[in-house]
Protein backbone atom coordinates (compact mmCIF):
# COMPACT_ATOMS: atom_id res chain seq x y z
CA MET A 1 2.88 6.40 -63.36
CA PHE A 2 5.83 7.59 -61.26
CA VAL A 3 4.45 11.14 -61.21
CA VAL A 4 1.07 9.88 -59.98
CA PHE A 5 2.71 7.84 -57.16
CA VAL A 6 4.76 10.83 -55.98
CA ALA A 7 1.67 13.01 -55.98
CA LEU A 8 -0.25 10.47 -53.90
CA LEU A 9 2.63 10.11 -51.44
CA CYS A 10 2.95 13.88 -51.02
CA GLY A 11 -0.74 14.06 -50.25
CA LEU A 12 -0.52 11.21 -47.72
CA VAL A 13 2.35 12.61 -45.63
CA PRO A 14 0.54 15.79 -44.47
CA SER A 15 -2.50 13.65 -43.64
CA LEU A 16 -0.43 11.33 -41.43
CA ARG A 17 1.21 14.28 -39.73
CA ALA A 18 -2.18 15.77 -39.02
CA GLN A 19 -3.39 12.51 -37.46
CA ARG A 20 -0.30 12.19 -35.28
CA GLY A 21 -0.59 15.77 -34.16
CA ARG A 22 -4.28 15.61 -33.46
CA GLY A 23 -5.01 17.15 -30.09
CA GLY A 24 -2.05 19.53 -30.19
CA ALA A 25 1.34 19.33 -28.55
CA GLN A 26 1.56 17.20 -25.43
CA GLY A 27 2.04 19.13 -22.20
CA PRO A 28 4.11 18.21 -19.16
CA PRO A 29 3.18 15.05 -17.20
CA GLN A 30 0.47 15.43 -14.59
CA ALA A 31 1.32 15.64 -10.90
CA PRO A 32 0.50 12.43 -8.97
CA ARG A 33 -2.56 14.02 -7.37
CA ALA A 34 -4.00 15.03 -10.74
CA ALA A 35 -3.08 11.68 -12.31
CA ALA A 36 -4.64 9.56 -9.55
CA PRO A 37 -6.71 6.70 -11.08
CA ILE A 38 -8.57 6.22 -7.78
CA ASP A 39 -9.62 8.60 -5.00
CA LEU A 40 -8.55 7.51 -1.52
CA THR A 41 -9.20 10.81 0.25
CA GLY A 42 -11.73 11.12 3.06
CA TYR A 43 -12.53 9.41 6.36
CA TRP A 44 -12.46 5.60 6.51
CA VAL A 45 -13.17 3.06 9.27
CA SER A 46 -11.40 -0.31 9.42
CA ILE A 47 -13.52 -3.46 9.28
CA VAL A 48 -11.25 -6.13 10.78
CA THR A 49 -12.86 -9.60 10.81
CA GLU A 50 -10.46 -12.38 10.39
CA ASP A 51 4.38 -16.08 13.14
CA TRP A 52 10.65 -17.97 13.14
CA ARG A 53 12.11 -19.17 16.29
CA GLU A 54 13.90 -15.88 16.95
CA GLY A 55 10.51 -14.22 16.85
CA ARG A 56 9.12 -16.63 19.43
CA LYS A 57 11.89 -15.69 21.85
CA VAL A 58 10.94 -12.05 21.63
CA VAL A 59 7.24 -12.83 22.15
CA GLN A 60 7.95 -14.94 25.23
CA ALA A 61 10.00 -12.13 26.74
CA TRP A 62 7.46 -9.44 25.88
CA ASP A 63 6.69 -7.03 28.72
CA PRO A 64 4.13 -4.35 27.79
CA ALA A 65 4.72 -2.48 31.04
CA ALA A 66 8.41 -2.18 30.19
CA ASP A 67 7.50 -0.85 26.73
CA GLU A 68 5.20 1.72 28.28
CA ALA A 69 7.81 2.82 30.81
CA GLY A 70 10.54 2.94 28.16
CA GLY A 71 8.61 5.23 25.84
CA ASN A 72 7.88 2.43 23.35
CA ALA A 73 4.11 2.28 23.65
CA CYS A 74 3.83 2.84 19.88
CA LYS A 75 5.80 -0.30 18.87
CA SER A 76 2.64 -1.98 17.55
CA TYR A 77 1.53 1.16 15.69
CA GLY A 78 4.34 1.14 13.10
CA ALA A 79 3.84 0.88 9.34
CA ALA A 80 3.99 -2.95 9.37
CA ASN A 81 0.87 -3.16 11.55
CA ILE A 82 -0.92 0.19 11.75
CA MET A 83 -3.42 -0.69 9.02
CA ARG A 84 -4.55 -3.69 11.11
CA VAL A 85 -5.16 -1.61 14.24
CA PRO A 86 -8.94 -1.05 14.62
CA GLY A 87 -9.75 2.60 14.12
CA ARG A 88 -10.24 5.30 11.53
CA LEU A 89 -8.13 6.88 8.83
CA HIS A 90 -8.22 10.38 7.40
CA ILE A 91 -6.56 10.52 3.97
CA THR A 92 -5.63 13.83 2.33
CA TRP A 93 -3.10 15.25 -0.10
CA ARG A 94 -0.37 17.18 1.75
CA ASP A 95 0.80 18.50 -1.62
CA ASP A 96 0.70 17.36 -5.25
CA THR A 97 3.29 14.61 -4.68
CA THR A 98 2.62 13.51 -1.08
CA LEU A 99 -0.40 11.53 0.13
CA GLU A 100 -0.98 11.72 3.89
CA ILE A 101 -2.74 9.14 6.07
CA ASP A 102 -3.60 10.07 9.65
CA THR A 103 -4.85 7.44 12.11
CA ASP A 104 -6.94 8.15 15.17
CA ALA A 105 -5.58 4.97 16.82
CA GLY A 106 -2.17 5.93 18.16
CA THR A 107 -2.39 9.35 16.45
CA GLN A 108 0.06 8.33 13.73
CA THR A 109 0.85 10.04 10.40
CA ARG A 110 2.05 8.23 7.28
CA LEU A 111 3.43 10.09 4.25
CA PHE A 112 3.47 8.43 0.80
CA HIS A 113 6.05 10.09 -1.46
CA PHE A 114 5.60 9.98 -5.24
CA GLY A 115 8.41 10.72 -7.69
CA GLU A 116 12.12 10.46 -6.99
CA PRO A 117 12.66 8.85 -3.54
CA GLN A 118 14.89 10.64 -1.05
CA PRO A 119 15.05 8.23 1.90
CA PRO A 120 16.84 9.25 5.07
CA ALA A 121 20.21 7.82 6.11
CA ALA A 122 18.81 6.30 9.31
CA ASP A 123 15.40 5.02 10.41
CA ALA A 124 12.47 7.35 9.83
CA GLY A 125 10.53 6.45 12.96
CA TRP A 126 7.58 4.12 13.41
CA GLN A 127 6.14 4.86 9.95
CA GLY A 128 9.45 4.62 8.05
CA TYR A 129 9.90 6.12 4.60
CA SER A 130 7.26 5.26 1.99
CA VAL A 131 7.63 5.48 -1.80
CA ALA A 132 4.36 5.42 -3.76
CA GLN A 133 3.33 4.89 -7.37
CA TRP A 134 0.07 4.51 -9.25
CA GLU A 135 -0.60 1.25 -11.08
CA ILE A 136 -2.98 1.94 -13.94
CA ALA A 137 -5.57 -0.68 -14.94
CA GLY A 138 -4.67 -2.40 -18.19
CA ALA A 139 -0.94 -2.18 -17.58
CA PRO A 140 1.08 -5.45 -17.56
CA GLN A 141 0.42 -7.66 -14.55
CA ARG A 142 3.05 -7.46 -11.85
CA GLY A 143 4.85 -10.56 -10.68
CA GLY A 144 5.23 -12.09 -14.14
CA GLY A 145 1.76 -13.60 -14.48
CA GLY A 146 0.26 -16.85 -13.26
CA GLY A 147 1.45 -19.44 -10.82
CA GLY A 148 2.52 -18.65 -7.31
CA GLY A 149 0.25 -20.72 -5.13
CA ALA A 150 -0.33 -19.54 -1.58
CA VAL A 151 1.90 -20.81 1.19
CA GLY A 152 1.48 -20.70 4.95
CA ALA A 153 3.55 -18.26 7.00
CA ILE A 154 4.02 -19.06 10.69
CA VAL A 155 5.26 -16.18 12.80
CA ALA A 156 5.62 -16.48 16.57
CA SER A 157 2.25 -17.17 18.16
CA GLY A 158 -0.09 -16.41 15.24
CA THR A 159 -0.72 -17.72 11.74
CA THR A 160 -1.72 -16.08 8.52
CA ALA A 161 -1.94 -16.92 4.83
CA GLY A 162 1.18 -16.17 2.83
CA ALA A 163 1.82 -16.06 -0.90
CA ALA A 164 4.77 -16.25 -3.21
CA THR A 165 4.11 -12.89 -4.86
CA GLY A 166 2.17 -9.72 -4.25
CA ALA A 167 -0.12 -10.57 -7.16
CA ALA A 168 -0.96 -13.96 -5.66
CA ALA A 169 -1.63 -12.35 -2.30
CA ARG A 170 -4.24 -10.10 -3.90
CA GLY A 171 -5.90 -12.93 -5.80
CA ASP A 172 -5.03 -11.59 -9.26
CA SER A 173 -2.27 -14.01 -10.15
CA GLY A 174 -3.94 -16.34 -12.61
CA ARG A 175 -6.92 -17.78 -14.41
CA GLY A 176 -10.17 -17.74 -12.46
CA ALA A 177 -9.08 -14.89 -10.18
CA PRO A 178 -11.44 -11.94 -9.65
CA PRO A 179 -10.88 -8.99 -11.98
CA ARG A 180 -8.63 -6.22 -10.77
CA PRO A 181 -10.49 -3.05 -9.77
CA GLN A 182 -11.16 -0.62 -12.58
CA GLY A 183 -9.09 2.53 -12.72
CA GLY A 184 -5.97 1.29 -11.00
CA SER A 185 -4.28 0.78 -7.67
CA LEU A 186 -1.78 2.43 -5.36
CA LYS A 187 1.47 0.60 -4.59
CA VAL A 188 3.53 1.71 -1.58
CA VAL A 189 6.92 0.36 -0.44
CA THR A 190 8.10 1.33 3.05
CA THR A 191 11.65 0.97 4.40
CA HIS A 192 13.87 2.67 7.03
CA LEU A 193 11.56 1.52 9.80
CA LYS A 194 12.11 1.62 13.51
CA ALA A 195 11.84 -1.94 14.88
CA GLY A 196 8.36 -2.69 16.20
CA TYR A 197 5.62 -5.28 16.63
CA LEU A 198 3.42 -6.99 14.02
CA ARG A 199 0.76 -7.45 16.66
CA LYS A 200 0.06 -6.06 20.09
CA ASN A 201 1.42 -9.27 21.62
CA GLY A 202 5.15 -8.78 21.11
CA VAL A 203 5.44 -10.41 17.65
CA PRO A 204 8.44 -8.47 16.32
CA TYR A 205 9.73 -7.03 13.09
CA SER A 206 13.23 -5.61 12.65
CA GLU A 207 14.58 -2.31 11.36
CA ASN A 208 15.43 -4.06 8.05
CA THR A 209 11.80 -4.91 7.32
CA VAL A 210 10.31 -4.03 3.94
CA VAL A 211 6.55 -3.38 3.82
CA THR A 212 4.79 -3.48 0.44
CA GLU A 213 1.15 -2.41 0.22
CA TYR A 214 -1.47 -2.38 -2.53
CA PHE A 215 -4.54 -0.15 -2.15
CA ASP A 216 -7.62 -1.03 -4.24
CA ARG A 217 -10.96 0.84 -4.37
CA HIS A 218 -14.35 -0.88 -4.65
CA ASN A 219 -17.93 0.37 -4.76
CA GLU A 220 -20.95 -1.68 -3.68
CA THR A 221 -24.22 -1.61 -5.58
CA ASN A 222 -25.87 -0.03 -2.52
CA GLY A 223 -23.52 2.95 -2.74
CA ASP A 224 -21.06 1.92 -0.01
CA GLN A 225 -17.47 2.81 -0.84
CA TRP A 226 -14.56 0.60 0.25
CA PHE A 227 -10.87 0.19 -0.18
CA THR A 228 -8.78 -2.89 0.56
CA VAL A 229 -5.11 -2.72 1.50
CA THR A 230 -3.02 -5.85 1.00
CA THR A 231 0.08 -5.65 3.20
CA ILE A 232 3.17 -7.79 2.60
CA VAL A 233 5.78 -7.69 5.37
CA GLU A 234 9.22 -9.16 4.59
CA ASP A 235 11.81 -9.51 7.36
CA ALA A 236 14.69 -12.01 7.09
CA LYS A 237 15.42 -11.74 10.82
CA TYR A 238 12.06 -12.67 12.30
CA LEU A 239 9.88 -14.08 9.48
CA GLN A 240 10.27 -17.38 7.66
CA GLN A 241 8.11 -16.15 4.79
CA PRO A 242 6.28 -12.95 3.85
CA PHE A 243 3.57 -12.05 6.37
CA ILE A 244 0.51 -11.08 4.35
CA THR A 245 -2.78 -9.54 5.43
CA SER A 246 -5.74 -7.86 3.75
CA THR A 247 -7.67 -5.16 5.58
CA HIS A 248 -10.91 -3.48 4.52
CA PHE A 249 -11.94 0.12 5.11
CA LYS A 250 -15.40 1.60 4.60
CA LYS A 251 -15.81 5.27 3.76
CA GLU A 252 -17.63 7.54 6.20
CA PRO A 253 -19.40 10.78 5.25
CA ASP A 254 -17.34 12.99 7.55
CA GLY A 255 -15.12 13.06 10.63
CA ALA A 256 -17.90 13.00 13.22
CA LYS A 257 -16.60 9.71 14.68
CA TRP A 258 -12.92 10.72 14.57
CA ARG A 259 -11.44 10.03 18.03
CA PRO A 260 -7.64 10.44 18.26
CA THR A 261 -6.15 8.30 21.04
CA ALA A 262 -2.59 7.85 22.31
CA CYS A 263 -0.56 4.67 21.76
CA SER A 264 -1.02 1.90 24.29
CA ALA A 265 1.43 -0.96 24.85
CA SER A 266 -1.19 -3.34 26.23
């Protein structure tokens, strides 16, 4: 009996090894461009349809002419607001680990860095320093799951809907929420910003602001291609609560409507 058991076991081990090794040895991990679960490249047009006391002081003292004269015409084109500025985007891969977004409004360039972050010691200009990562569909939900009802965020002279977590802001925080897009999403966290405006009305954000963005792709049944970016701006100096917006972009066939324009303070 013992001899039979040993014989069976010896026959089973090679079989298990063969199953585990099926497909050959695993190669090195893919570069972020090759591993992308969604394709954000191409030309896109924004479809925009839709603030703490210290912030109100800045708004009331806002002088666009002074910004223009002082070389600060781009203060409302920084990373905390640029995706809300009406215009077009051109998204390309600069290299295998850097996604580039160019805007025709304000002629700005954003760089999303995958892999090990190497932020600068000081501010990195209007677009700051952005660290990116793919979030693959089917992975654990961020933010720890359900709960997190929306809360109102009042910033200076405007209002917007806020939320306790990024997941709640995107509507995927709990039961009854719409399904997350298939494939995955892009998460980007931007820091090292130059102080700027959340709106072209003097609503400020400080150099310590953290901007977190989630990019999701969607396709309509008629063939239209869209992506939605949910932007969460956190700034202890000027904002009582996170300032959260969602902006939609529709894909265009080419760059025929691309019209780069300079920043304008007013």
